[in-house]
C-alpha atoms as a PDB file:
ATOM      1  CA  MET A   1       0.000   0.000   0.000  1.00  0.00           C
ATOM      2  CA  ARG A   2       1.296   3.455  -0.864  1.00  0.00           C
ATOM      3  CA  ALA A   3       0.640   6.970   0.309  1.00  0.00           C
ATOM      4  CA  LYS A   4       0.813  10.288  -1.535  1.00  0.00           C
ATOM      5  CA  TRP A   5       1.955  13.624  -0.063  1.00  0.00           C
ATOM      6  CA  LEU A   6      -0.998  15.896   0.658  1.00  0.00           C
ATOM      7  CA  LYS A   7       0.158  18.715   2.953  1.00  0.00           C
ATOM      8  CA  MET A   8       1.946  19.705   6.142  1.00  0.00           C
ATOM      9  CA  LYS A   9      -0.058  20.831   9.161  1.00  0.00           C
ATOM     10  CA  SER A  10       1.528  22.718  12.005  1.00  0.00           C
ATOM     11  CA  THR A  11      -0.355  23.131  15.247  1.00  0.00           C
ATOM     12  CA  GLY A  12       2.545  23.195  17.667  1.00  0.00           C
ATOM     13  CA  VAL A  13       4.142  20.081  16.171  1.00  0.00           C
ATOM     14  CA  ALA A  14       4.658  19.541  12.454  1.00  0.00           C
ATOM     15  CA  ARG A  15       2.534  16.738  11.052  1.00  0.00           C
ATOM     16  CA  TYR A  16       2.799  15.438   7.527  1.00  0.00           C
ATOM     17  CA  VAL A  17      -0.434  14.301   5.897  1.00  0.00           C
ATOM     18  CA  TYR A  18      -0.610  11.684   3.144  1.00  0.00           C
ATOM     19  CA  THR A  19      -3.562  10.188   1.279  1.00  0.00           C
ATOM     20  CA  VAL A  20      -3.712   6.383   1.366  1.00  0.00           C
ATOM     21  CA  GLN A  21      -3.726   4.669  -2.026  1.00  0.00           C
ATOM     22  CA  GLY A  22      -4.114   1.009  -2.829  1.00  0.00           C
ATOM     23  CA  THR A  23      -6.590  -1.660  -3.759  1.00  0.00           C
ATOM     24  CA  ALA A  24     -10.061  -1.665  -2.246  1.00  0.00           C
ATOM     25  CA  LYS A  25      -9.015  -4.557  -0.011  1.00  0.00           C
ATOM     26  CA  GLU A  26      -5.899  -2.700   1.245  1.00  0.00           C
ATOM     27  CA  ILE A  27      -7.857   0.475   1.963  1.00  0.00           C
ATOM     28  CA  ALA A  28     -10.561  -1.481   3.825  1.00  0.00           C
ATOM     29  CA  GLU A  29      -7.831  -3.185   5.880  1.00  0.00           C
ATOM     30  CA  TYR A  30      -6.271   0.216   6.634  1.00  0.00           C
ATOM     31  CA  VAL A  31      -9.626   1.629   7.814  1.00  0.00           C
ATOM     32  CA  ASP A  32     -10.272  -1.457   9.984  1.00  0.00           C
ATOM     33  CA  ASN A  33      -6.788  -1.315  11.568  1.00  0.00           C
ATOM     34  CA  GLN A  34      -7.040   2.424  12.291  1.00  0.00           C
ATOM     35  CA  GLY A  35     -10.471   2.006  13.873  1.00  0.00           C
ATOM     36  CA  GLU A  36     -11.843   5.146  15.518  1.00  0.00           C
ATOM     37  CA  PHE A  37      -8.612   7.048  14.763  1.00  0.00           C
ATOM     38  CA  CYS A  38      -9.077   6.894  10.984  1.00  0.00           C
ATOM     39  CA  ARG A  39      -9.618  10.248   9.277  1.00  0.00           C
ATOM     40  CA  PHE A  40     -10.738  10.921   5.718  1.00  0.00           C
ATOM     41  CA  LEU A  41     -10.156  13.584   3.086  1.00  0.00           C
ATOM     42  CA  GLN A  42     -13.431  15.428   2.527  1.00  0.00           C
ATOM     43  CA  GLU A  43     -14.650  16.846  -0.789  1.00  0.00           C
ATOM     44  CA  ASP A  44     -13.917  20.418   0.323  1.00  0.00           C
ATOM     45  CA  GLY A  45     -10.267  19.550   1.080  1.00  0.00           C
ATOM     46  CA  THR A  46     -10.605  19.349   4.851  1.00  0.00           C
ATOM     47  CA  ILE A  47      -9.933  16.262   6.925  1.00  0.00           C
ATOM     48  CA  GLY A  48     -12.681  14.822   9.084  1.00  0.00           C
ATOM     49  CA  GLU A  49     -14.296  11.756  10.585  1.00  0.00           C
ATOM     50  CA  ASP A  50     -17.001  11.477   7.900  1.00  0.00           C
ATOM     51  CA  GLU A  51     -16.098   8.381   5.891  1.00  0.00           C
ATOM     52  CA  THR A  52     -15.156   8.907   2.247  1.00  0.00           C
ATOM     53  CA  SER A  53     -13.179   6.768  -0.170  1.00  0.00           C
ATOM     54  CA  THR A  54      -9.859   8.524   0.661  1.00  0.00           C
ATOM     55  CA  PRO A  55      -8.403   7.877   4.125  1.00  0.00           C
ATOM     56  CA  VAL A  56      -5.364   9.875   5.275  1.00  0.00           C
ATOM     57  CA  PHE A  57      -2.151   8.888   7.067  1.00  0.00           C
ATOM     58  CA  TYR A  58      -0.397  11.199   9.544  1.00  0.00           C
ATOM     59  CA  SER A  59       3.331  11.168  10.304  1.00  0.00           C
ATOM     60  CA  THR A  60       5.406  13.336  12.644  1.00  0.00           C
ATOM     61  CA  LYS A  61       8.456  12.952  10.412  1.00  0.00           C
ATOM     62  CA  LEU A  62       8.810  13.483   6.702  1.00  0.00           C
ATOM     63  CA  VAL A  63       8.867  10.107   4.968  1.00  0.00           C
ATOM     64  CA  GLY A  64       9.159  11.292   1.388  1.00  0.00           C
ATOM     65  CA  LYS A  65       6.697  12.129  -1.326  1.00  0.00           C
ATOM     66  CA  ASN A  66       5.251   8.643  -1.926  1.00  0.00           C
ATOM     67  CA  PRO A  67       6.061   6.370   1.038  1.00  0.00           C
ATOM     68  CA  THR A  68       5.136   2.725   1.366  1.00  0.00           C
ATOM     69  CA  LEU A  69       2.808   2.037   4.297  1.00  0.00           C
ATOM     70  CA  ARG A  70       3.519  -1.068   6.351  1.00  0.00           C
ATOM     71  CA  TYR A  71       1.504  -2.287   9.328  1.00  0.00           C
ATOM     72  CA  ASP A  72       3.612  -2.824  12.475  1.00  0.00           C
ATOM     73  CA  VAL A  73       1.935  -5.744  14.242  1.00  0.00           C
ATOM     74  CA  ASP A  74       3.900  -5.289  17.485  1.00  0.00           C
ATOM     75  CA  ASN A  75       2.885  -1.640  17.920  1.00  0.00           C
ATOM     76  CA  GLU A  76      -0.442  -1.970  16.098  1.00  0.00           C
ATOM     77  CA  ARG A  77       0.063   1.013  13.825  1.00  0.00           C
ATOM     78  CA  TYR A  78       1.124   1.898  10.309  1.00  0.00           C
ATOM     79  CA  ARG A  79       4.590   3.197   9.518  1.00  0.00           C
ATOM     80  CA  GLY A  80       5.646   5.079   6.416  1.00  0.00           C
ATOM     81  CA  GLU A  81       8.832   3.877   4.731  1.00  0.00           C
ATOM     82  CA  MET A  82      10.670   6.255   2.434  1.00  0.00           C
ATOM     83  CA  THR A  83      11.441   5.074  -1.096  1.00  0.00           C
ATOM     84  CA  PHE A  84      15.040   4.890  -2.319  1.00  0.00           C
ATOM     85  CA  GLU A  85      14.559   7.877  -4.637  1.00  0.00           C
ATOM     86  CA  ASP A  86      13.130  10.036  -1.847  1.00  0.00           C
ATOM     87  CA  ALA A  87      15.963   8.991   0.475  1.00  0.00           C
ATOM     88  CA  CYS A  88      18.557  10.050  -2.114  1.00  0.00           C
ATOM     89  CA  ILE A  89      16.866  13.419  -2.591  1.00  0.00           C
ATOM     90  CA  MET A  90      16.594  13.993   1.177  1.00  0.00           C
ATOM     91  CA  ASP A  91      20.282  13.109   1.617  1.00  0.00           C
ATOM     92  CA  ALA A  92      21.304  15.518  -1.155  1.00  0.00           C
ATOM     93  CA  VAL A  93      19.196  18.319   0.370  1.00  0.00           C
ATOM     94  CA  ASN A  94      20.627  17.663   3.844  1.00  0.00           C
ATOM     95  CA  ASN A  95      24.173  17.767   2.468  1.00  0.00           C
ATOM     96  CA  ALA A  96      23.457  20.993   0.560  1.00  0.00           C
ATOM     97  CA  PHE A  97      22.050  22.812   3.588  1.00  0.00           C
ATOM     98  CA  ASN A  98      24.267  21.187   6.247  1.00  0.00           C
ATOM     99  CA  PRO A  99      27.670  20.662   4.580  1.00  0.00           C
ATOM    100  CA  ASN A 100      29.538  20.188   7.876  1.00  0.00           C
ATOM    101  CA  VAL A 101      27.249  17.453   9.160  1.00  0.00           C
ATOM    102  CA  SER A 102      28.104  14.051   7.762  1.00  0.00           C
ATOM    103  CA  THR A 103      25.384  11.481   7.313  1.00  0.00           C
ATOM    104  CA  SER A 104      25.854   7.742   7.465  1.00  0.00           C
ATOM    105  CA  SER A 105      25.452   7.360   3.698  1.00  0.00           C
ATOM    106  CA  SER A 106      28.081   9.962   2.845  1.00  0.00           C
ATOM    107  CA  ALA A 107      30.526   9.153   5.641  1.00  0.00           C
ATOM    108  CA  ARG A 108      33.890   7.752   4.554  1.00  0.00           C
ATOM    109  CA  ASN A 109      34.677   4.206   5.606  1.00  0.00           C
ATOM    110  CA  VAL A 110      37.823   3.728   7.656  1.00  0.00           C
ATOM    111  CA  THR A 111      40.209   1.227   6.089  1.00  0.00           C
ATOM    112  CA  SER A 112      43.389  -0.419   7.267  1.00  0.00           C
ATOM    113  CA  ASP A 113      45.378   2.082   5.132  1.00  0.00           C
ATOM    114  CA  ASP A 114      43.969   4.902   7.262  1.00  0.00           C
ATOM    115  CA  ALA A 115      45.086   3.097  10.407  1.00  0.00           C
ATOM    116  CA  ASP A 116      48.594   2.661   8.947  1.00  0.00           C
ATOM    117  CA  ASP A 117      48.747   6.374   8.094  1.00  0.00           C
ATOM    118  CA  ALA A 118      47.876   7.246  11.686  1.00  0.00           C
ATOM    119  CA  GLU A 119      50.943   5.348  12.940  1.00  0.00           C
ATOM    120  CA  ILE A 120      53.448   7.423  10.925  1.00  0.00           C
ATOM    121  CA  ASP A 121      55.472   9.707  13.161  1.00  0.00           C
ATOM    122  CA  THR A 122      55.961  13.056  11.479  1.00  0.00           C
ATOM    123  CA  PRO A 123      57.666  15.951  13.190  1.00  0.00           C
ATOM    124  CA  VAL A 124      55.311  18.781  13.954  1.00  0.00           C
ATOM    125  CA  ALA A 125      56.555  22.352  13.713  1.00  0.00           C
ATOM    126  CA  LYS A 126      56.155  24.242  16.939  1.00  0.00           C
ATOM    127  CA  VAL A 127      53.938  27.280  16.640  1.00  0.00           C
ATOM    128  CA  THR A 128      54.498  30.130  19.061  1.00  0.00           C
ATOM    129  CA  LYS A 129      51.935  32.716  19.935  1.00  0.00           C
ATOM    130  CA  ALA A 130      52.611  36.395  20.500  1.00  0.00           C
ATOM    131  CA  VAL A 131      52.657  37.320  24.166  1.00  0.00           C
ATOM    132  CA  SER A 132      51.040  40.716  23.789  1.00  0.00           C
ATOM    133  CA  GLY A 133      47.725  41.486  22.189  1.00  0.00           C
ATOM    134  CA  LYS A 134      49.501  43.337  19.360  1.00  0.00           C
ATOM    135  CA  ARG A 135      50.391  41.542  16.171  1.00  0.00           C
ATOM    136  CA  SER A 136      53.995  41.373  15.196  1.00  0.00           C
ATOM    137  CA  LEU A 137      55.622  40.522  11.892  1.00  0.00           C
ATOM    138  CA  LYS A 138      58.836  39.460  13.640  1.00  0.00           C
ATOM    139  CA  THR A 139      59.514  35.775  14.035  1.00  0.00           C
ATOM    140  CA  PRO A 140      60.905  34.630  17.401  1.00  0.00           C
END
């Protein structure tokens, strides 16, 4: 079963709203599993309890544009799983806006060559700082 991005609502906490799409059997199963907590997209664009043919899925985190909905039997709720394409786009956006923060997908793997390089003893030049607050061009 899939979902499709509808909108973002913000009433204190951001909530992402998706419309549920699938076969008639999958949608009926979704409505049964959600029970009294199921909400539907109304003809005027609002979301309410009045049953229509389009149920909605809420998420507190962005799970892409067209996530796959899977029922978690242990927690008795649906979870949205991001598609590979959406994950790649989200990673690229995160890297563009947060270049100093490395993510697990873009982090460099440590190899044995890196460990060997760390063992090399190289002399380090001693850097001295000026004692006064004034800058000086003289070298000590």
